[in-house]
Amino acid sequence: MTLNTVFMINMFFSCYIRTAKIKEINLKTIVPFTFFCYKNDK
């Protein structure tokens, strides 16, 4: 993973968590999604 990819993921995480808190979405959905993105990135 490049440094740019890590930065993008960090940005996505902060945005996603904020949205999830507003919409009261279960944060457990973030784990499989991140794993999916990580596998695709390799």
C-alpha atoms as a PDB file:
ATOM      1  CA  MET A   1       0.000   0.000   0.000  1.00  0.00           C
ATOM      2  CA  THR A   2       1.295   3.428  -0.924  1.00  0.00           C
ATOM      3  CA  LEU A   3       1.295   6.375   1.448  1.00  0.00           C
ATOM      4  CA  ASN A   4      -1.394   8.008  -0.685  1.00  0.00           C
ATOM      5  CA  THR A   5      -3.652   4.965  -0.292  1.00  0.00           C
ATOM      6  CA  VAL A   6      -3.210   5.058   3.482  1.00  0.00           C
ATOM      7  CA  PHE A   7      -4.117   8.753   3.487  1.00  0.00           C
ATOM      8  CA  MET A   8      -7.225   8.068   1.398  1.00  0.00           C
ATOM      9  CA  ILE A   9      -8.299   5.285   3.768  1.00  0.00           C
ATOM     10  CA  ASN A  10      -7.809   7.572   6.777  1.00  0.00           C
ATOM     11  CA  MET A  11      -9.948  10.242   5.121  1.00  0.00           C
ATOM     12  CA  PHE A  12     -12.596   7.667   4.262  1.00  0.00           C
ATOM     13  CA  PHE A  13     -12.622   6.285   7.809  1.00  0.00           C
ATOM     14  CA  SER A  14     -13.174   9.676   9.433  1.00  0.00           C
ATOM     15  CA  CYS A  15     -15.941  10.548   6.957  1.00  0.00           C
ATOM     16  CA  TYR A  16     -17.568   7.119   7.276  1.00  0.00           C
ATOM     17  CA  ILE A  17     -17.503   7.150  11.079  1.00  0.00           C
ATOM     18  CA  ARG A  18     -19.042  10.645  11.134  1.00  0.00           C
ATOM     19  CA  THR A  19     -21.779   9.542   8.713  1.00  0.00           C
ATOM     20  CA  ALA A  20     -22.348   6.324  10.644  1.00  0.00           C
ATOM     21  CA  LYS A  21     -22.789   8.245  13.893  1.00  0.00           C
ATOM     22  CA  ILE A  22     -25.264  10.623  12.270  1.00  0.00           C
ATOM     23  CA  LYS A  23     -27.276   7.817  10.669  1.00  0.00           C
ATOM     24  CA  GLU A  24     -26.718   5.489  13.653  1.00  0.00           C
ATOM     25  CA  ILE A  25     -25.285   2.737  11.456  1.00  0.00           C
ATOM     26  CA  ASN A  26     -23.624  -0.227  13.120  1.00  0.00           C
ATOM     27  CA  LEU A  27     -19.851   0.318  12.857  1.00  0.00           C
ATOM     28  CA  LYS A  28     -19.278  -3.437  12.517  1.00  0.00           C
ATOM     29  CA  THR A  29     -19.950  -3.014   8.780  1.00  0.00           C
ATOM     30  CA  ILE A  30     -16.688  -1.069   8.454  1.00  0.00           C
ATOM     31  CA  VAL A  31     -14.515  -4.127   9.155  1.00  0.00           C
ATOM     32  CA  PRO A  32     -15.553  -6.400   6.236  1.00  0.00           C
ATOM     33  CA  PHE A  33     -15.615  -3.390   3.908  1.00  0.00           C
ATOM     34  CA  THR A  34     -12.069  -2.366   4.856  1.00  0.00           C
ATOM     35  CA  PHE A  35     -10.892  -5.954   4.454  1.00  0.00           C
ATOM     36  CA  PHE A  36     -12.492  -6.041   0.998  1.00  0.00           C
ATOM     37  CA  CYS A  37     -10.751  -2.804  -0.019  1.00  0.00           C
ATOM     38  CA  TYR A  38      -7.431  -4.017   1.369  1.00  0.00           C
ATOM     39  CA  LYS A  39      -7.628  -7.258  -0.634  1.00  0.00           C
ATOM     40  CA  ASN A  40      -8.458  -5.345  -3.819  1.00  0.00           C
ATOM     41  CA  ASP A  41      -5.591  -2.925  -3.225  1.00  0.00           C
ATOM     42  CA  LYS A  42      -2.954  -5.692  -3.218  1.00  0.00           C
END
